[in-house]
PDB file of N, CA and C in Angstrom:
ATOM      1  N   MET A   1       2.969  23.936  24.123  1.00  0.00           N
ATOM      2  CA  MET A   1       4.381  24.183  24.366  1.00  0.00           C
ATOM      3  C   MET A   1       5.235  23.395  23.380  1.00  0.00           C
ATOM      4  N   PHE A   2       4.932  22.096  23.218  1.00  0.00           N
ATOM      5  CA  PHE A   2       5.715  21.262  22.305  1.00  0.00           C
ATOM      6  C   PHE A   2       5.597  21.769  20.873  1.00  0.00           C
ATOM      7  N   LYS A   3       4.369  22.171  20.473  1.00  0.00           N
ATOM      8  CA  LYS A   3       4.180  22.664  19.106  1.00  0.00           C
ATOM      9  C   LYS A   3       4.971  23.946  18.874  1.00  0.00           C
ATOM     10  N   THR A   4       5.012  24.821  19.877  1.00  0.00           N
ATOM     11  CA  THR A   4       5.777  26.062  19.752  1.00  0.00           C
ATOM     12  C   THR A   4       7.262  25.763  19.643  1.00  0.00           C
ATOM     13  N   LEU A   5       7.758  24.884  20.493  1.00  0.00           N
ATOM     14  CA  LEU A   5       9.173  24.510  20.450  1.00  0.00           C
ATOM     15  C   LEU A   5       9.507  23.866  19.110  1.00  0.00           C
ATOM     16  N   PHE A   6       8.643  22.984  18.640  1.00  0.00           N
ATOM     17  CA  PHE A   6       8.860  22.340  17.347  1.00  0.00           C
ATOM     18  C   PHE A   6       8.909  23.383  16.234  1.00  0.00           C
ATOM     19  N   ALA A   7       7.980  24.333  16.245  1.00  0.00           N
ATOM     20  CA  ALA A   7       7.944  25.367  15.209  1.00  0.00           C
ATOM     21  C   ALA A   7       9.204  26.214  15.225  1.00  0.00           C
ATOM     22  N   VAL A   8       9.702  26.554  16.413  1.00  0.00           N
ATOM     23  CA  VAL A   8      10.926  27.352  16.527  1.00  0.00           C
ATOM     24  C   VAL A   8      12.121  26.576  15.988  1.00  0.00           C
ATOM     25  N   ILE A   9      12.253  25.319  16.371  1.00  0.00           N
ATOM     26  CA  ILE A   9      13.377  24.493  15.904  1.00  0.00           C
ATOM     27  C   ILE A   9      13.308  24.313  14.391  1.00  0.00           C
ATOM     28  N   LEU A  10      12.131  24.003  13.880  1.00  0.00           N
ATOM     29  CA  LEU A  10      11.980  23.801  12.444  1.00  0.00           C
ATOM     30  C   LEU A  10      12.262  25.086  11.679  1.00  0.00           C
ATOM     31  N   SER A  11      11.749  26.204  12.159  1.00  0.00           N
ATOM     32  CA  SER A  11      11.991  27.489  11.496  1.00  0.00           C
ATOM     33  C   SER A  11      13.469  27.829  11.475  1.00  0.00           C
ATOM     34  N   ALA A  12      14.141  27.627  12.598  1.00  0.00           N
ATOM     35  CA  ALA A  12      15.572  27.933  12.666  1.00  0.00           C
ATOM     36  C   ALA A  12      16.362  27.060  11.707  1.00  0.00           C
ATOM     37  N   SER A  13      15.987  25.806  11.607  1.00  0.00           N
ATOM     38  CA  SER A  13      16.735  24.916  10.714  1.00  0.00           C
ATOM     39  C   SER A  13      16.480  25.243   9.251  1.00  0.00           C
ATOM     40  N   LEU A  14      15.267  25.688   8.927  1.00  0.00           N
ATOM     41  CA  LEU A  14      14.949  25.995   7.532  1.00  0.00           C
ATOM     42  C   LEU A  14      15.592  27.290   7.058  1.00  0.00           C
ATOM     43  N   ILE A  15      15.894  28.178   7.974  1.00  0.00           N
ATOM     44  CA  ILE A  15      16.529  29.435   7.599  1.00  0.00           C
ATOM     45  C   ILE A  15      17.887  29.187   6.978  1.00  0.00           C
ATOM     46  N   SER A  16      18.586  28.181   7.464  1.00  0.00           N
ATOM     47  CA  SER A  16      19.950  27.940   6.999  1.00  0.00           C
ATOM     48  C   SER A  16      20.051  26.812   5.974  1.00  0.00           C
ATOM     49  N   PHE A  17      18.925  26.437   5.362  1.00  0.00           N
ATOM     50  CA  PHE A  17      19.002  25.324   4.421  1.00  0.00           C
ATOM     51  C   PHE A  17      19.709  25.714   3.124  1.00  0.00           C
ATOM     52  N   ASN A  18      20.237  24.696   2.471  1.00  0.00           N
ATOM     53  CA  ASN A  18      20.878  24.877   1.170  1.00  0.00           C
ATOM     54  C   ASN A  18      20.404  23.750   0.275  1.00  0.00           C
ATOM     55  N   VAL A  19      19.634  24.111  -0.731  1.00  0.00           N
ATOM     56  CA  VAL A  19      19.128  23.105  -1.650  1.00  0.00           C
ATOM     57  C   VAL A  19      19.884  23.241  -2.961  1.00  0.00           C
ATOM     58  N   SER A  20      20.538  22.169  -3.360  1.00  0.00           N
ATOM     59  CA  SER A  20      21.195  22.183  -4.665  1.00  0.00           C
ATOM     60  C   SER A  20      20.591  21.081  -5.506  1.00  0.00           C
ATOM     61  N   ALA A  21      20.516  21.324  -6.784  1.00  0.00           N
ATOM     62  CA  ALA A  21      19.886  20.337  -7.648  1.00  0.00           C
ATOM     63  C   ALA A  21      20.645  20.187  -8.951  1.00  0.00           C
ATOM     64  N   ALA A  22      20.906  18.953  -9.290  1.00  0.00           N
ATOM     65  CA  ALA A  22      21.437  18.593 -10.599  1.00  0.00           C
ATOM     66  C   ALA A  22      20.589  17.424 -11.048  1.00  0.00           C
ATOM     67  N   TYR A  23      20.138  17.433 -12.267  1.00  0.00           N
ATOM     68  CA  TYR A  23      19.155  16.459 -12.689  1.00  0.00           C
ATOM     69  C   TYR A  23      19.773  15.322 -13.477  1.00  0.00           C
ATOM     70  N   ALA A  24      19.338  14.119 -13.159  1.00  0.00           N
ATOM     71  CA  ALA A  24      19.786  12.929 -13.875  1.00  0.00           C
ATOM     72  C   ALA A  24      18.711  11.869 -13.763  1.00  0.00           C
ATOM     73  N   GLU A  25      18.606  11.027 -14.755  1.00  0.00           N
ATOM     74  CA  GLU A  25      17.677   9.912 -14.676  1.00  0.00           C
ATOM     75  C   GLU A  25      18.313   8.796 -13.869  1.00  0.00           C
ATOM     76  N   VAL A  26      17.551   8.284 -12.925  1.00  0.00           N
ATOM     77  CA  VAL A  26      18.037   7.192 -12.083  1.00  0.00           C
ATOM     78  C   VAL A  26      17.065   6.039 -12.230  1.00  0.00           C
ATOM     79  N   PRO A  27      17.540   4.887 -12.605  1.00  0.00           N
ATOM     80  CA  PRO A  27      16.627   3.754 -12.736  1.00  0.00           C
ATOM     81  C   PRO A  27      16.075   3.348 -11.373  1.00  0.00           C
ATOM     82  N   ALA A  28      14.756   3.118 -11.327  1.00  0.00           N
ATOM     83  CA  ALA A  28      14.137   2.671 -10.081  1.00  0.00           C
ATOM     84  C   ALA A  28      14.445   1.193  -9.884  1.00  0.00           C
ATOM     85  N   GLY A  29      14.550   0.784  -8.643  1.00  0.00           N
ATOM     86  CA  GLY A  29      14.821  -0.624  -8.359  1.00  0.00           C
ATOM     87  C   GLY A  29      14.877  -0.844  -6.873  1.00  0.00           C
ATOM     88  N   ALA A  30      15.264  -2.022  -6.483  1.00  0.00           N
ATOM     89  CA  ALA A  30      15.324  -2.367  -5.073  1.00  0.00           C
ATOM     90  C   ALA A  30      16.725  -2.181  -4.519  1.00  0.00           C
ATOM     91  N   GLU A  31      17.531  -1.352  -5.171  1.00  0.00           N
ATOM     92  CA  GLU A  31      18.887  -1.106  -4.699  1.00  0.00           C
ATOM     93  C   GLU A  31      18.846  -0.419  -3.338  1.00  0.00           C
ATOM     94  N   THR A  32      19.751  -0.791  -2.455  1.00  0.00           N
ATOM     95  CA  THR A  32      19.818  -0.191  -1.132  1.00  0.00           C
ATOM     96  C   THR A  32      20.904   0.876  -1.120  1.00  0.00           C
ATOM     97  N   PHE A  33      20.564   2.029  -0.537  1.00  0.00           N
ATOM     98  CA  PHE A  33      21.459   3.174  -0.452  1.00  0.00           C
ATOM     99  C   PHE A  33      21.744   3.478   1.015  1.00  0.00           C
ATOM    100  N   PRO A  34      22.651   4.418   1.297  1.00  0.00           N
ATOM    101  CA  PRO A  34      22.826   4.868   2.684  1.00  0.00           C
ATOM    102  C   PRO A  34      21.491   5.376   3.237  1.00  0.00           C
ATOM    103  N   ALA A  35      21.350   5.412   4.554  1.00  0.00           N
ATOM    104  CA  ALA A  35      20.085   5.762   5.207  1.00  0.00           C
ATOM    105  C   ALA A  35      19.589   7.157   4.855  1.00  0.00           C
ATOM    106  N   ASP A  36      20.488   8.056   4.441  1.00  0.00           N
ATOM    107  CA  ASP A  36      20.087   9.431   4.122  1.00  0.00           C
ATOM    108  C   ASP A  36      19.865   9.638   2.622  1.00  0.00           C
ATOM    109  N   GLU A  37      19.456   8.577   1.925  1.00  0.00           N
ATOM    110  CA  GLU A  37      19.206   8.651   0.490  1.00  0.00           C
ATOM    111  C   GLU A  37      17.988   7.816   0.133  1.00  0.00           C
ATOM    112  N   GLY A  38      17.434   8.075  -1.046  1.00  0.00           N
ATOM    113  CA  GLY A  38      16.335   7.271  -1.549  1.00  0.00           C
ATOM    114  C   GLY A  38      15.933   7.705  -2.941  1.00  0.00           C
ATOM    115  N   ILE A  39      15.074   6.913  -3.558  1.00  0.00           N
ATOM    116  CA  ILE A  39      14.530   7.204  -4.879  1.00  0.00           C
ATOM    117  C   ILE A  39      13.119   7.759  -4.690  1.00  0.00           C
ATOM    118  N   VAL A  40      12.807   8.868  -5.366  1.00  0.00           N
ATOM    119  CA  VAL A  40      11.498   9.505  -5.236  1.00  0.00           C
ATOM    120  C   VAL A  40      10.423   8.594  -5.825  1.00  0.00           C
ATOM    121  N   VAL A  41       9.451   8.231  -4.979  1.00  0.00           N
ATOM    122  CA  VAL A  41       8.302   7.438  -5.394  1.00  0.00           C
ATOM    123  C   VAL A  41       7.151   8.374  -5.732  1.00  0.00           C
ATOM    124  N   SER A  42       6.961   9.399  -4.891  1.00  0.00           N
ATOM    125  CA  SER A  42       5.931  10.409  -5.118  1.00  0.00           C
ATOM    126  C   SER A  42       6.306  11.660  -4.344  1.00  0.00           C
ATOM    127  N   SER A  43       5.679  12.784  -4.713  1.00  0.00           N
ATOM    128  CA  SER A  43       5.938  14.033  -3.993  1.00  0.00           C
ATOM    129  C   SER A  43       4.678  14.883  -3.971  1.00  0.00           C
ATOM    130  N   ILE A  44       4.582  15.719  -2.934  1.00  0.00           N
ATOM    131  CA  ILE A  44       3.456  16.632  -2.768  1.00  0.00           C
ATOM    132  C   ILE A  44       4.037  17.992  -2.400  1.00  0.00           C
ATOM    133  N   ASP A  45       3.718  19.017  -3.191  1.00  0.00           N
ATOM    134  CA  ASP A  45       4.188  20.370  -2.897  1.00  0.00           C
ATOM    135  C   ASP A  45       3.137  21.134  -2.114  1.00  0.00           C
ATOM    136  N   THR A  46       3.584  21.830  -1.072  1.00  0.00           N
ATOM    137  CA  THR A  46       2.727  22.722  -0.301  1.00  0.00           C
ATOM    138  C   THR A  46       3.475  24.040  -0.152  1.00  0.00           C
ATOM    139  N   ALA A  47       2.862  25.002   0.494  1.00  0.00           N
ATOM    140  CA  ALA A  47       3.511  26.294   0.710  1.00  0.00           C
ATOM    141  C   ALA A  47       4.716  26.108   1.624  1.00  0.00           C
ATOM    142  N   GLY A  48       5.905  26.239   1.068  1.00  0.00           N
ATOM    143  CA  GLY A  48       7.118  26.170   1.871  1.00  0.00           C
ATOM    144  C   GLY A  48       7.743  24.798   2.026  1.00  0.00           C
ATOM    145  N   TYR A  49       7.020  23.736   1.669  1.00  0.00           N
ATOM    146  CA  TYR A  49       7.543  22.379   1.857  1.00  0.00           C
ATOM    147  C   TYR A  49       7.267  21.511   0.639  1.00  0.00           C
ATOM    148  N   THR A  50       8.121  20.528   0.464  1.00  0.00           N
ATOM    149  CA  THR A  50       7.854  19.435  -0.469  1.00  0.00           C
ATOM    150  C   THR A  50       7.928  18.150   0.343  1.00  0.00           C
ATOM    151  N   TYR A  51       6.831  17.415   0.353  1.00  0.00           N
ATOM    152  CA  TYR A  51       6.798  16.112   1.007  1.00  0.00           C
ATOM    153  C   TYR A  51       7.173  15.088  -0.050  1.00  0.00           C
ATOM    154  N   MET A  52       8.141  14.227   0.266  1.00  0.00           N
ATOM    155  CA  MET A  52       8.594  13.218  -0.692  1.00  0.00           C
ATOM    156  C   MET A  52       8.514  11.833  -0.081  1.00  0.00           C
ATOM    157  N   GLU A  53       7.907  10.912  -0.807  1.00  0.00           N
ATOM    158  CA  GLU A  53       7.946   9.505  -0.417  1.00  0.00           C
ATOM    159  C   GLU A  53       9.152   8.910  -1.132  1.00  0.00           C
ATOM    160  N   LEU A  54      10.084   8.367  -0.357  1.00  0.00           N
ATOM    161  CA  LEU A  54      11.306   7.800  -0.910  1.00  0.00           C
ATOM    162  C   LEU A  54      11.338   6.293  -0.696  1.00  0.00           C
ATOM    163  N   ALA A  55      12.026   5.604  -1.598  1.00  0.00           N
ATOM    164  CA  ALA A  55      12.252   4.162  -1.464  1.00  0.00           C
ATOM    165  C   ALA A  55      13.744   3.930  -1.337  1.00  0.00           C
ATOM    166  N   ASN A  56      14.097   3.075  -0.380  1.00  0.00           N
ATOM    167  CA  ASN A  56      15.491   2.684  -0.182  1.00  0.00           C
ATOM    168  C   ASN A  56      15.471   1.180   0.079  1.00  0.00           C
ATOM    169  N   GLY A  57      15.865   0.405  -0.918  1.00  0.00           N
ATOM    170  CA  GLY A  57      15.729  -1.044  -0.796  1.00  0.00           C
ATOM    171  C   GLY A  57      14.256  -1.398  -0.762  1.00  0.00           C
ATOM    172  N   ASP A  58      13.841  -2.197   0.210  1.00  0.00           N
ATOM    173  CA  ASP A  58      12.429  -2.556   0.323  1.00  0.00           C
ATOM    174  C   ASP A  58      11.682  -1.653   1.298  1.00  0.00           C
ATOM    175  N   LYS A  59      12.316  -0.588   1.766  1.00  0.00           N
ATOM    176  CA  LYS A  59      11.711   0.331   2.726  1.00  0.00           C
ATOM    177  C   LYS A  59      11.243   1.601   2.018  1.00  0.00           C
ATOM    178  N   LYS A  60      10.037   2.073   2.370  1.00  0.00           N
ATOM    179  CA  LYS A  60       9.532   3.357   1.885  1.00  0.00           C
ATOM    180  C   LYS A  60       9.322   4.262   3.090  1.00  0.00           C
ATOM    181  N   PHE A  61       9.623   5.548   2.929  1.00  0.00           N
ATOM    182  CA  PHE A  61       9.464   6.504   4.019  1.00  0.00           C
ATOM    183  C   PHE A  61       9.229   7.894   3.444  1.00  0.00           C
ATOM    184  N   TRP A  62       8.735   8.806   4.304  1.00  0.00           N
ATOM    185  CA  TRP A  62       8.426  10.172   3.887  1.00  0.00           C
ATOM    186  C   TRP A  62       9.398  11.152   4.519  1.00  0.00           C
ATOM    187  N   ILE A  63       9.776  12.171   3.726  1.00  0.00           N
ATOM    188  CA  ILE A  63      10.551  13.292   4.249  1.00  0.00           C
ATOM    189  C   ILE A  63       9.811  14.580   3.905  1.00  0.00           C
ATOM    190  N   ALA A  64      10.043  15.618   4.703  1.00  0.00           N
ATOM    191  CA  ALA A  64       9.526  16.958   4.425  1.00  0.00           C
ATOM    192  C   ALA A  64      10.732  17.871   4.297  1.00  0.00           C
ATOM    193  N   ALA A  65      10.853  18.505   3.137  1.00  0.00           N
ATOM    194  CA  ALA A  65      12.012  19.344   2.839  1.00  0.00           C
ATOM    195  C   ALA A  65      11.548  20.740   2.462  1.00  0.00           C
ATOM    196  N   PRO A  66      12.452  21.723   2.570  1.00  0.00           N
ATOM    197  CA  PRO A  66      12.118  23.027   2.000  1.00  0.00           C
ATOM    198  C   PRO A  66      11.738  22.807   0.528  1.00  0.00           C
ATOM    199  N   THR A  67      10.881  23.651  -0.010  1.00  0.00           N
ATOM    200  CA  THR A  67      10.384  23.477  -1.369  1.00  0.00           C
ATOM    201  C   THR A  67      11.498  23.076  -2.333  1.00  0.00           C
ATOM    202  N   THR A  68      11.299  21.939  -2.981  1.00  0.00           N
ATOM    203  CA  THR A  68      12.302  21.350  -3.867  1.00  0.00           C
ATOM    204  C   THR A  68      11.605  20.800  -5.104  1.00  0.00           C
ATOM    205  N   LYS A  69      12.136  21.102  -6.277  1.00  0.00           N
ATOM    206  CA  LYS A  69      11.572  20.538  -7.504  1.00  0.00           C
ATOM    207  C   LYS A  69      12.176  19.150  -7.702  1.00  0.00           C
ATOM    208  N   VAL A  70      11.334  18.131  -7.621  1.00  0.00           N
ATOM    209  CA  VAL A  70      11.793  16.754  -7.815  1.00  0.00           C
ATOM    210  C   VAL A  70      10.845  16.036  -8.761  1.00  0.00           C
ATOM    211  N   GLU A  71      11.358  14.979  -9.353  1.00  0.00           N
ATOM    212  CA  GLU A  71      10.545  14.147 -10.232  1.00  0.00           C
ATOM    213  C   GLU A  71      10.658  12.692  -9.789  1.00  0.00           C
ATOM    214  N   LYS A  72       9.608  11.946 -10.057  1.00  0.00           N
ATOM    215  CA  LYS A  72       9.583  10.523  -9.727  1.00  0.00           C
ATOM    216  C   LYS A  72      10.800   9.845 -10.353  1.00  0.00           C
ATOM    217  N   GLY A  73      11.478   9.003  -9.559  1.00  0.00           N
ATOM    218  CA  GLY A  73      12.631   8.259 -10.045  1.00  0.00           C
ATOM    219  C   GLY A  73      13.971   8.909  -9.751  1.00  0.00           C
ATOM    220  N   GLU A  74      13.962  10.167  -9.296  1.00  0.00           N
ATOM    221  CA  GLU A  74      15.234  10.826  -8.992  1.00  0.00           C
ATOM    222  C   GLU A  74      15.820  10.297  -7.686  1.00  0.00           C
ATOM    223  N   HIS A  75      17.131  10.254  -7.625  1.00  0.00           N
ATOM    224  CA  HIS A  75      17.874   9.779  -6.454  1.00  0.00           C
ATOM    225  C   HIS A  75      18.170  10.994  -5.577  1.00  0.00           C
ATOM    226  N   ILE A  76      17.634  10.985  -4.354  1.00  0.00           N
ATOM    227  CA  ILE A  76      17.740  12.121  -3.441  1.00  0.00           C
ATOM    228  C   ILE A  76      18.660  11.779  -2.278  1.00  0.00           C
ATOM    229  N   ARG A  77      19.506  12.719  -1.930  1.00  0.00           N
ATOM    230  CA  ARG A  77      20.297  12.653  -0.697  1.00  0.00           C
ATOM    231  C   ARG A  77      19.778  13.799   0.178  1.00  0.00           C
ATOM    232  N   PHE A  78      19.657  13.563   1.496  1.00  0.00           N
ATOM    233  CA  PHE A  78      19.114  14.602   2.373  1.00  0.00           C
ATOM    234  C   PHE A  78      19.878  14.669   3.688  1.00  0.00           C
ATOM    235  N   VAL A  79      19.701  15.807   4.364  1.00  0.00           N
ATOM    236  CA  VAL A  79      20.296  16.011   5.686  1.00  0.00           C
ATOM    237  C   VAL A  79      19.150  16.007   6.694  1.00  0.00           C
ATOM    238  N   GLU A  80      19.118  14.961   7.523  1.00  0.00           N
ATOM    239  CA  GLU A  80      18.039  14.810   8.503  1.00  0.00           C
ATOM    240  C   GLU A  80      18.185  15.820   9.627  1.00  0.00           C
ATOM    241  N   ASN A  81      17.044  16.424   9.992  1.00  0.00           N
ATOM    242  CA  ASN A  81      17.017  17.348  11.119  1.00  0.00           C
ATOM    243  C   ASN A  81      16.277  16.722  12.298  1.00  0.00           C
ATOM    244  N   MET A  82      15.062  16.202  12.040  1.00  0.00           N
ATOM    245  CA  MET A  82      14.238  15.681  13.125  1.00  0.00           C
ATOM    246  C   MET A  82      13.275  14.632  12.577  1.00  0.00           C
ATOM    247  N   LYS A  83      13.074  13.571  13.325  1.00  0.00           N
ATOM    248  CA  LYS A  83      12.139  12.516  12.942  1.00  0.00           C
ATOM    249  C   LYS A  83      10.923  12.615  13.860  1.00  0.00           C
ATOM    250  N   MET A  84       9.736  12.678  13.256  1.00  0.00           N
ATOM    251  CA  MET A  84       8.500  12.783  14.025  1.00  0.00           C
ATOM    252  C   MET A  84       7.646  11.539  13.775  1.00  0.00           C
ATOM    253  N   HIS A  85       7.009  11.051  14.830  1.00  0.00           N
ATOM    254  CA  HIS A  85       6.115   9.904  14.728  1.00  0.00           C
ATOM    255  C   HIS A  85       4.679  10.394  14.862  1.00  0.00           C
ATOM    256  N   ASN A  86       3.779   9.818  14.081  1.00  0.00           N
ATOM    257  CA  ASN A  86       2.362  10.196  14.074  1.00  0.00           C
ATOM    258  C   ASN A  86       2.190  11.698  13.880  1.00  0.00           C
ATOM    259  N   PHE A  87       2.897  12.244  12.893  1.00  0.00           N
ATOM    260  CA  PHE A  87       2.840  13.680  12.611  1.00  0.00           C
ATOM    261  C   PHE A  87       1.644  13.975  11.710  1.00  0.00           C
ATOM    262  N   THR A  88       0.811  14.929  12.136  1.00  0.00           N
ATOM    263  CA  THR A  88      -0.343  15.335  11.341  1.00  0.00           C
ATOM    264  C   THR A  88      -0.045  16.650  10.644  1.00  0.00           C
ATOM    265  N   SER A  89      -0.153  16.639   9.331  1.00  0.00           N
ATOM    266  CA  SER A  89      -0.017  17.852   8.529  1.00  0.00           C
ATOM    267  C   SER A  89      -1.407  18.444   8.368  1.00  0.00           C
ATOM    268  N   LYS A  90      -1.610  19.627   8.926  1.00  0.00           N
ATOM    269  CA  LYS A  90      -2.911  20.285   8.795  1.00  0.00           C
ATOM    270  C   LYS A  90      -3.141  20.720   7.353  1.00  0.00           C
ATOM    271  N   THR A  91      -2.067  21.097   6.663  1.00  0.00           N
ATOM    272  CA  THR A  91      -2.179  21.520   5.267  1.00  0.00           C
ATOM    273  C   THR A  91      -2.672  20.378   4.388  1.00  0.00           C
ATOM    274  N   LEU A  92      -2.129  19.185   4.600  1.00  0.00           N
ATOM    275  CA  LEU A  92      -2.506  18.025   3.788  1.00  0.00           C
ATOM    276  C   LEU A  92      -3.669  17.240   4.382  1.00  0.00           C
ATOM    277  N   ASN A  93      -4.042  17.579   5.621  1.00  0.00           N
ATOM    278  CA  ASN A  93      -5.082  16.837   6.328  1.00  0.00           C
ATOM    279  C   ASN A  93      -4.752  15.339   6.312  1.00  0.00           C
ATOM    280  N   ARG A  94      -3.514  15.062   6.730  1.00  0.00           N
ATOM    281  CA  ARG A  94      -3.000  13.690   6.669  1.00  0.00           C
ATOM    282  C   ARG A  94      -2.051  13.451   7.832  1.00  0.00           C
ATOM    283  N   THR A  95      -2.077  12.232   8.374  1.00  0.00           N
ATOM    284  CA  THR A  95      -1.147  11.851   9.429  1.00  0.00           C
ATOM    285  C   THR A  95      -0.135  10.866   8.862  1.00  0.00           C
ATOM    286  N   PHE A  96       1.143  11.166   9.089  1.00  0.00           N
ATOM    287  CA  PHE A  96       2.230  10.298   8.656  1.00  0.00           C
ATOM    288  C   PHE A  96       2.678   9.467   9.858  1.00  0.00           C
ATOM    289  N   ASN A  97       2.787   8.161   9.706  1.00  0.00           N
ATOM    290  CA  ASN A  97       3.286   7.317  10.800  1.00  0.00           C
ATOM    291  C   ASN A  97       4.657   7.794  11.243  1.00  0.00           C
ATOM    292  N   GLU A  98       5.495   8.122  10.264  1.00  0.00           N
ATOM    293  CA  GLU A  98       6.826   8.660  10.547  1.00  0.00           C
ATOM    294  C   GLU A  98       7.153   9.657   9.439  1.00  0.00           C
ATOM    295  N   LEU A  99       7.639  10.832   9.830  1.00  0.00           N
ATOM    296  CA  LEU A  99       8.017  11.868   8.872  1.00  0.00           C
ATOM    297  C   LEU A  99       9.363  12.418   9.293  1.00  0.00           C
ATOM    298  N   ILE A 100      10.288  12.461   8.349  1.00  0.00           N
ATOM    299  CA  ILE A 100      11.621  12.992   8.623  1.00  0.00           C
ATOM    300  C   ILE A 100      11.682  14.411   8.079  1.00  0.00           C
ATOM    301  N   PHE A 101      11.885  15.382   8.964  1.00  0.00           N
ATOM    302  CA  PHE A 101      12.095  16.759   8.531  1.00  0.00           C
ATOM    303  C   PHE A 101      13.567  16.905   8.184  1.00  0.00           C
ATOM    304  N   VAL A 102      13.838  17.490   7.026  1.00  0.00           N
ATOM    305  CA  VAL A 102      15.213  17.624   6.562  1.00  0.00           C
ATOM    306  C   VAL A 102      15.540  19.093   6.330  1.00  0.00           C
ATOM    307  N   THR A 103      16.825  19.428   6.477  1.00  0.00           N
ATOM    308  CA  THR A 103      17.251  20.816   6.281  1.00  0.00           C
ATOM    309  C   THR A 103      17.663  21.089   4.852  1.00  0.00           C
ATOM    310  N   SER A 104      18.093  20.062   4.133  1.00  0.00           N
ATOM    311  CA  SER A 104      18.469  20.258   2.734  1.00  0.00           C
ATOM    312  C   SER A 104      18.372  18.948   1.975  1.00  0.00           C
ATOM    313  N   THR A 105      18.222  19.085   0.668  1.00  0.00           N
ATOM    314  CA  THR A 105      18.192  17.922  -0.209  1.00  0.00           C
ATOM    315  C   THR A 105      19.106  18.180  -1.392  1.00  0.00           C
ATOM    316  N   GLN A 106      19.528  17.099  -1.992  1.00  0.00           N
ATOM    317  CA  GLN A 106      20.361  17.194  -3.187  1.00  0.00           C
ATOM    318  C   GLN A 106      19.950  16.069  -4.115  1.00  0.00           C
ATOM    319  N   ILE A 107      19.751  16.397  -5.374  1.00  0.00           N
ATOM    320  CA  ILE A 107      19.460  15.371  -6.357  1.00  0.00           C
ATOM    321  C   ILE A 107      20.797  14.819  -6.808  1.00  0.00           C
ATOM    322  N   LYS A 108      20.981  13.537  -6.563  1.00  0.00           N
ATOM    323  CA  LYS A 108      22.275  12.900  -6.808  1.00  0.00           C
ATOM    324  C   LYS A 108      22.437  12.568  -8.289  1.00  0.00           C
ATOM    325  N   VAL A 109      23.562  12.944  -8.832  1.00  0.00           N
ATOM    326  CA  VAL A 109      23.861  12.688 -10.236  1.00  0.00           C
ATOM    327  C   VAL A 109      24.734  11.449 -10.322  1.00  0.00           C
ATOM    328  N   GLU A 110      24.303  10.489 -11.127  1.00  0.00           N
ATOM    329  CA  GLU A 110      25.089   9.268 -11.313  1.00  0.00           C
ATOM    330  C   GLU A 110      26.220   9.562 -12.283  1.00  0.00           C
ATOM    331  N   LYS A 111      27.419   9.069 -11.980  1.00  0.00           N
ATOM    332  CA  LYS A 111      28.578   9.301 -12.853  1.00  0.00           C
ATOM    333  C   LYS A 111      28.853   8.111 -13.718  1.00  0.00           C
TER     334      LYS A 111
END
């Protein structure tokens, strides 16, 4: 029941996503950003999703977004939809301690 409800909520949120991208080089560092931002440490593409490990200050965390082209070091802003604990991705055969599902991402351009 929970898996079905989760799939329905996730599907509904992904239908209305808006991914915009503008590319810029962002220096990596221990700079702290708002909670809905981070620097790409690594990414994994799967069918329909891009899993991104982000760094924000001294904290690292994972998000799952609709397929997004990202590169290591890019500054990402995202819209959080749902946070899952001990989430197992059958596609990746991996369990994430915490995974944030997001409805959209934006590559932030430094001015």
